[in-house]
């Protein structure tokens, strides 16, 4: 799942460590999310959206499409 976490974080002028502190997670978690190595849990995605004052779909881009029958 692609995301815009880095874009939003940098827009606030925050380091990965600062964002991690504000969300109560490790800097490694933020790095893994930003590099598409880890999809955050729903509670973490919701906290990110609330912190950035945007909706979850504005941060996380799900390009999944159902298979045609």
PDB file of N, CA and C in Angstrom:
ATOM      1  N   UNK A   1       0.847  -1.170   0.000  1.00  0.00           N
ATOM      2  CA  UNK A   1       0.000   0.000   0.000  1.00  0.00           C
ATOM      3  C   UNK A   1       0.894   1.235   0.000  1.00  0.00           C
ATOM      4  N   UNK A   2       0.700   2.088  -0.964  1.00  0.00           N
ATOM      5  CA  UNK A   2       1.469   3.321  -1.037  1.00  0.00           C
ATOM      6  C   UNK A   2       0.903   4.329  -0.038  1.00  0.00           C
ATOM      7  N   UNK A   3       1.750   5.272   0.355  1.00  0.00           N
ATOM      8  CA  UNK A   3       1.276   6.253   1.318  1.00  0.00           C
ATOM      9  C   UNK A   3       1.970   7.594   1.133  1.00  0.00           C
ATOM     10  N   UNK A   4       1.401   8.590   1.800  1.00  0.00           N
ATOM     11  CA  UNK A   4       1.930   9.956   1.761  1.00  0.00           C
ATOM     12  C   UNK A   4       2.384  10.409   3.146  1.00  0.00           C
ATOM     13  N   UNK A   5       2.806   9.464   3.978  1.00  0.00           N
ATOM     14  CA  UNK A   5       3.219   9.804   5.342  1.00  0.00           C
ATOM     15  C   UNK A   5       4.400  10.767   5.316  1.00  0.00           C
ATOM     16  N   UNK A   6       5.415  10.457   4.516  1.00  0.00           N
ATOM     17  CA  UNK A   6       6.602  11.316   4.464  1.00  0.00           C
ATOM     18  C   UNK A   6       6.234  12.725   4.019  1.00  0.00           C
ATOM     19  N   UNK A   7       5.393  12.826   3.019  1.00  0.00           N
ATOM     20  CA  UNK A   7       4.952  14.129   2.510  1.00  0.00           C
ATOM     21  C   UNK A   7       4.275  14.944   3.614  1.00  0.00           C
ATOM     22  N   UNK A   8       3.382  14.314   4.358  1.00  0.00           N
ATOM     23  CA  UNK A   8       2.679  15.009   5.440  1.00  0.00           C
ATOM     24  C   UNK A   8       3.635  15.348   6.581  1.00  0.00           C
ATOM     25  N   UNK A   9       4.508  14.417   6.913  1.00  0.00           N
ATOM     26  CA  UNK A   9       5.481  14.639   7.994  1.00  0.00           C
ATOM     27  C   UNK A   9       6.388  15.820   7.659  1.00  0.00           C
ATOM     28  N   UNK A  10       6.942  15.812   6.451  1.00  0.00           N
ATOM     29  CA  UNK A  10       7.836  16.891   6.059  1.00  0.00           C
ATOM     30  C   UNK A  10       7.090  18.225   5.958  1.00  0.00           C
ATOM     31  N   UNK A  11       5.823  18.165   5.589  1.00  0.00           N
ATOM     32  CA  UNK A  11       5.009  19.380   5.548  1.00  0.00           C
ATOM     33  C   UNK A  11       4.868  20.032   6.914  1.00  0.00           C
ATOM     34  N   UNK A  12       4.951  19.224   7.956  1.00  0.00           N
ATOM     35  CA  UNK A  12       4.890  19.743   9.326  1.00  0.00           C
ATOM     36  C   UNK A  12       6.273  20.141   9.844  1.00  0.00           C
ATOM     37  N   UNK A  13       7.313  19.775   9.072  1.00  0.00           N
ATOM     38  CA  UNK A  13       8.675  20.075   9.511  1.00  0.00           C
ATOM     39  C   UNK A  13       9.173  19.126  10.591  1.00  0.00           C
ATOM     40  N   UNK A  14       8.583  17.921  10.652  1.00  0.00           N
ATOM     41  CA  UNK A  14       8.952  16.952  11.676  1.00  0.00           C
ATOM     42  C   UNK A  14       9.927  15.917  11.132  1.00  0.00           C
ATOM     43  N   UNK A  15      10.822  15.459  12.000  1.00  0.00           N
ATOM     44  CA  UNK A  15      11.685  14.323  11.683  1.00  0.00           C
ATOM     45  C   UNK A  15      10.872  13.045  11.890  1.00  0.00           C
ATOM     46  N   UNK A  16      11.422  11.936  11.433  1.00  0.00           N
ATOM     47  CA  UNK A  16      10.757  10.653  11.701  1.00  0.00           C
ATOM     48  C   UNK A  16      10.650  10.429  13.205  1.00  0.00           C
ATOM     49  N   UNK A  17      11.694  10.813  13.942  1.00  0.00           N
ATOM     50  CA  UNK A  17      11.674  10.658  15.399  1.00  0.00           C
ATOM     51  C   UNK A  17      10.585  11.471  16.058  1.00  0.00           C
ATOM     52  N   UNK A  18      10.383  12.700  15.584  1.00  0.00           N
ATOM     53  CA  UNK A  18       9.337  13.559  16.149  1.00  0.00           C
ATOM     54  C   UNK A  18       7.955  12.995  15.874  1.00  0.00           C
ATOM     55  N   UNK A  19       7.730  12.527  14.647  1.00  0.00           N
ATOM     56  CA  UNK A  19       6.433  11.926  14.332  1.00  0.00           C
ATOM     57  C   UNK A  19       6.215  10.682  15.181  1.00  0.00           C
ATOM     58  N   UNK A  20       7.244   9.873  15.309  1.00  0.00           N
ATOM     59  CA  UNK A  20       7.141   8.663  16.134  1.00  0.00           C
ATOM     60  C   UNK A  20       6.773   9.013  17.571  1.00  0.00           C
ATOM     61  N   UNK A  21       7.413  10.037  18.120  1.00  0.00           N
ATOM     62  CA  UNK A  21       7.130  10.459  19.502  1.00  0.00           C
ATOM     63  C   UNK A  21       5.677  10.890  19.642  1.00  0.00           C
ATOM     64  N   UNK A  22       5.192  11.662  18.689  1.00  0.00           N
ATOM     65  CA  UNK A  22       3.817  12.157  18.743  1.00  0.00           C
ATOM     66  C   UNK A  22       2.793  11.020  18.623  1.00  0.00           C
ATOM     67  N   UNK A  23       3.176   9.945  17.919  1.00  0.00           N
ATOM     68  CA  UNK A  23       2.259   8.815  17.720  1.00  0.00           C
ATOM     69  C   UNK A  23       2.461   7.692  18.733  1.00  0.00           C
ATOM     70  N   UNK A  24       3.531   7.759  19.498  1.00  0.00           N
ATOM     71  CA  UNK A  24       3.792   6.718  20.496  1.00  0.00           C
ATOM     72  C   UNK A  24       4.308   5.426  19.892  1.00  0.00           C
ATOM     73  N   UNK A  25       5.086   5.552  18.798  1.00  0.00           N
ATOM     74  CA  UNK A  25       5.691   4.381  18.157  1.00  0.00           C
ATOM     75  C   UNK A  25       7.182   4.645  17.982  1.00  0.00           C
ATOM     76  N   UNK A  26       7.902   3.672  17.481  1.00  0.00           N
ATOM     77  CA  UNK A  26       9.342   3.851  17.267  1.00  0.00           C
ATOM     78  C   UNK A  26       9.620   4.559  15.946  1.00  0.00           C
ATOM     79  N   UNK A  27      10.787   5.175  15.856  1.00  0.00           N
ATOM     80  CA  UNK A  27      11.211   5.794  14.612  1.00  0.00           C
ATOM     81  C   UNK A  27      11.320   4.753  13.512  1.00  0.00           C
ATOM     82  N   UNK A  28      11.726   3.529  13.885  1.00  0.00           N
ATOM     83  CA  UNK A  28      11.829   2.436  12.914  1.00  0.00           C
ATOM     84  C   UNK A  28      10.463   2.110  12.311  1.00  0.00           C
ATOM     85  N   UNK A  29       9.414   2.215  13.105  1.00  0.00           N
ATOM     86  CA  UNK A  29       8.062   1.980  12.591  1.00  0.00           C
ATOM     87  C   UNK A  29       7.712   3.020  11.538  1.00  0.00           C
ATOM     88  N   UNK A  30       8.013   4.276  11.828  1.00  0.00           N
ATOM     89  CA  UNK A  30       7.727   5.338  10.864  1.00  0.00           C
ATOM     90  C   UNK A  30       8.520   5.118   9.588  1.00  0.00           C
ATOM     91  N   UNK A  31       9.794   4.770   9.721  1.00  0.00           N
ATOM     92  CA  UNK A  31      10.618   4.500   8.543  1.00  0.00           C
ATOM     93  C   UNK A  31      10.041   3.362   7.720  1.00  0.00           C
ATOM     94  N   UNK A  32       9.624   2.297   8.380  1.00  0.00           N
ATOM     95  CA  UNK A  32       9.068   1.140   7.669  1.00  0.00           C
ATOM     96  C   UNK A  32       7.766   1.499   6.950  1.00  0.00           C
ATOM     97  N   UNK A  33       6.933   2.326   7.566  1.00  0.00           N
ATOM     98  CA  UNK A  33       5.689   2.756   6.922  1.00  0.00           C
ATOM     99  C   UNK A  33       6.017   3.612   5.708  1.00  0.00           C
ATOM    100  N   UNK A  34       6.922   4.569   5.879  1.00  0.00           N
ATOM    101  CA  UNK A  34       7.258   5.482   4.781  1.00  0.00           C
ATOM    102  C   UNK A  34       7.880   4.767   3.581  1.00  0.00           C
ATOM    103  N   UNK A  35       8.595   3.689   3.832  1.00  0.00           N
ATOM    104  CA  UNK A  35       9.260   2.961   2.744  1.00  0.00           C
ATOM    105  C   UNK A  35       8.439   1.762   2.264  1.00  0.00           C
ATOM    106  N   UNK A  36       7.172   1.721   2.636  1.00  0.00           N
ATOM    107  CA  UNK A  36       6.239   0.670   2.205  1.00  0.00           C
ATOM    108  C   UNK A  36       6.675  -0.725   2.616  1.00  0.00           C
ATOM    109  N   UNK A  37       7.388  -0.833   3.727  1.00  0.00           N
ATOM    110  CA  UNK A  37       7.800  -2.143   4.241  1.00  0.00           C
ATOM    111  C   UNK A  37       6.854  -2.634   5.331  1.00  0.00           C
ATOM    112  N   UNK A  38       5.954  -1.753   5.770  1.00  0.00           N
ATOM    113  CA  UNK A  38       5.030  -2.093   6.845  1.00  0.00           C
ATOM    114  C   UNK A  38       3.746  -1.305   6.658  1.00  0.00           C
ATOM    115  N   UNK A  39       2.623  -2.005   6.676  1.00  0.00           N
ATOM    116  CA  UNK A  39       1.319  -1.345   6.655  1.00  0.00           C
ATOM    117  C   UNK A  39       0.880  -1.157   8.102  1.00  0.00           C
ATOM    118  N   UNK A  40       0.596   0.068   8.501  1.00  0.00           N
ATOM    119  CA  UNK A  40       0.230   0.306   9.901  1.00  0.00           C
ATOM    120  C   UNK A  40      -1.113  -0.315  10.251  1.00  0.00           C
ATOM    121  N   UNK A  41      -1.281  -0.552  11.526  1.00  0.00           N
ATOM    122  CA  UNK A  41      -2.571  -1.033  12.017  1.00  0.00           C
ATOM    123  C   UNK A  41      -3.612   0.063  11.805  1.00  0.00           C
ATOM    124  N   UNK A  42      -4.864  -0.321  11.846  1.00  0.00           N
ATOM    125  CA  UNK A  42      -5.935   0.661  11.701  1.00  0.00           C
ATOM    126  C   UNK A  42      -5.860   1.739  12.784  1.00  0.00           C
ATOM    127  N   UNK A  43      -5.647   1.384  14.062  1.00  0.00           N
ATOM    128  CA  UNK A  43      -5.545   2.449  15.070  1.00  0.00           C
ATOM    129  C   UNK A  43      -4.401   3.431  14.779  1.00  0.00           C
ATOM    130  N   UNK A  44      -3.263   2.930  14.303  1.00  0.00           N
ATOM    131  CA  UNK A  44      -2.149   3.819  13.991  1.00  0.00           C
ATOM    132  C   UNK A  44      -2.484   4.695  12.781  1.00  0.00           C
ATOM    133  N   UNK A  45      -3.102   4.137  11.768  1.00  0.00           N
ATOM    134  CA  UNK A  45      -3.505   4.919  10.595  1.00  0.00           C
ATOM    135  C   UNK A  45      -4.491   6.013  11.002  1.00  0.00           C
ATOM    136  N   UNK A  46      -5.406   5.695  11.883  1.00  0.00           N
ATOM    137  CA  UNK A  46      -6.375   6.688  12.355  1.00  0.00           C
ATOM    138  C   UNK A  46      -5.691   7.797  13.157  1.00  0.00           C
ATOM    139  N   UNK A  47      -4.722   7.436  13.988  1.00  0.00           N
ATOM    140  CA  UNK A  47      -3.976   8.444  14.758  1.00  0.00           C
ATOM    141  C   UNK A  47      -3.203   9.360  13.827  1.00  0.00           C
ATOM    142  N   UNK A  48      -2.587   8.776  12.780  1.00  0.00           N
ATOM    143  CA  UNK A  48      -1.848   9.591  11.804  1.00  0.00           C
ATOM    144  C   UNK A  48      -2.797  10.577  11.130  1.00  0.00           C
ATOM    145  N   UNK A  49      -3.942  10.101  10.689  1.00  0.00           N
ATOM    146  CA  UNK A  49      -4.908  10.964  10.029  1.00  0.00           C
ATOM    147  C   UNK A  49      -5.351  12.091  10.949  1.00  0.00           C
ATOM    148  N   UNK A  50      -5.617  11.766  12.196  1.00  0.00           N
ATOM    149  CA  UNK A  50      -6.038  12.778  13.159  1.00  0.00           C
ATOM    150  C   UNK A  50      -4.925  13.799  13.397  1.00  0.00           C
ATOM    151  N   UNK A  51      -3.703  13.318  13.531  1.00  0.00           N
ATOM    152  CA  UNK A  51      -2.561  14.201  13.767  1.00  0.00           C
ATOM    153  C   UNK A  51      -2.335  15.148  12.594  1.00  0.00           C
ATOM    154  N   UNK A  52      -2.482  14.635  11.371  1.00  0.00           N
ATOM    155  CA  UNK A  52      -2.284  15.460  10.178  1.00  0.00           C
ATOM    156  C   UNK A  52      -3.557  16.210   9.760  1.00  0.00           C
ATOM    157  N   UNK A  53      -4.660  15.963  10.467  1.00  0.00           N
ATOM    158  CA  UNK A  53      -5.951  16.603  10.177  1.00  0.00           C
ATOM    159  C   UNK A  53      -6.422  16.345   8.745  1.00  0.00           C
ATOM    160  N   UNK A  54      -6.290  15.081   8.330  1.00  0.00           N
ATOM    161  CA  UNK A  54      -6.762  14.632   7.018  1.00  0.00           C
ATOM    162  C   UNK A  54      -7.467  13.292   7.198  1.00  0.00           C
ATOM    163  N   UNK A  55      -8.072  12.790   6.140  1.00  0.00           N
ATOM    164  CA  UNK A  55      -8.706  11.473   6.210  1.00  0.00           C
ATOM    165  C   UNK A  55      -7.670  10.381   5.921  1.00  0.00           C
ATOM    166  N   UNK A  56      -7.948   9.177   6.361  1.00  0.00           N
ATOM    167  CA  UNK A  56      -7.040   8.050   6.117  1.00  0.00           C
ATOM    168  C   UNK A  56      -6.757   7.875   4.620  1.00  0.00           C
ATOM    169  N   UNK A  57      -7.783   7.934   3.734  1.00  0.00           N
ATOM    170  CA  UNK A  57      -7.494   7.779   2.307  1.00  0.00           C
ATOM    171  C   UNK A  57      -6.601   8.884   1.718  1.00  0.00           C
ATOM    172  N   UNK A  58      -6.493  10.024   2.412  1.00  0.00           N
ATOM    173  CA  UNK A  58      -5.590  11.068   1.936  1.00  0.00           C
ATOM    174  C   UNK A  58      -4.133  10.731   2.234  1.00  0.00           C
ATOM    175  N   UNK A  59      -3.901   9.795   3.155  1.00  0.00           N
ATOM    176  CA  UNK A  59      -2.542   9.379   3.506  1.00  0.00           C
ATOM    177  C   UNK A  59      -2.185   8.055   2.844  1.00  0.00           C
ATOM    178  N   UNK A  60      -3.123   7.116   2.875  1.00  0.00           N
ATOM    179  CA  UNK A  60      -2.856   5.759   2.398  1.00  0.00           C
ATOM    180  C   UNK A  60      -3.622   5.485   1.110  1.00  0.00           C
ATOM    181  N   UNK A  61      -2.893   5.062   0.087  1.00  0.00           N
ATOM    182  CA  UNK A  61      -3.463   4.822  -1.228  1.00  0.00           C
ATOM    183  C   UNK A  61      -3.534   3.319  -1.462  1.00  0.00           C
ATOM    184  N   UNK A  62      -4.742   2.800  -1.462  1.00  0.00           N
ATOM    185  CA  UNK A  62      -4.939   1.367  -1.690  1.00  0.00           C
ATOM    186  C   UNK A  62      -5.272   1.159  -3.158  1.00  0.00           C
ATOM    187  N   UNK A  63      -4.341   0.554  -3.888  1.00  0.00           N
ATOM    188  CA  UNK A  63      -4.561   0.342  -5.318  1.00  0.00           C
ATOM    189  C   UNK A  63      -5.102  -1.057  -5.619  1.00  0.00           C
ATOM    190  N   UNK A  64      -5.612  -1.719  -4.588  1.00  0.00           N
ATOM    191  CA  UNK A  64      -6.182  -3.050  -4.773  1.00  0.00           C
ATOM    192  C   UNK A  64      -7.470  -2.959  -5.570  1.00  0.00           C
ATOM    193  N   UNK A  65      -7.638  -3.885  -6.483  1.00  0.00           N
ATOM    194  CA  UNK A  65      -8.863  -3.979  -7.276  1.00  0.00           C
ATOM    195  C   UNK A  65      -9.381  -5.417  -7.188  1.00  0.00           C
ATOM    196  N   UNK A  66     -10.681  -5.610  -7.001  1.00  0.00           N
ATOM    197  CA  UNK A  66     -11.210  -6.971  -6.952  1.00  0.00           C
ATOM    198  C   UNK A  66     -11.051  -7.652  -8.306  1.00  0.00           C
ATOM    199  N   UNK A  67     -10.881  -8.942  -8.261  1.00  0.00           N
ATOM    200  CA  UNK A  67     -10.791  -9.721  -9.505  1.00  0.00           C
ATOM    201  C   UNK A  67     -12.156  -9.781 -10.181  1.00  0.00           C
ATOM    202  N   UNK A  68     -12.151  -9.725 -11.477  1.00  0.00           N
ATOM    203  CA  UNK A  68     -13.410  -9.850 -12.222  1.00  0.00           C
ATOM    204  C   UNK A  68     -13.892 -11.298 -12.130  1.00  0.00           C
ATOM    205  N   UNK A  69     -15.189 -11.442 -12.051  1.00  0.00           N
ATOM    206  CA  UNK A  69     -15.747 -12.804 -11.947  1.00  0.00           C
ATOM    207  C   UNK A  69     -15.952 -13.422 -13.296  1.00  0.00           C
TER     208      UNK A  69
END
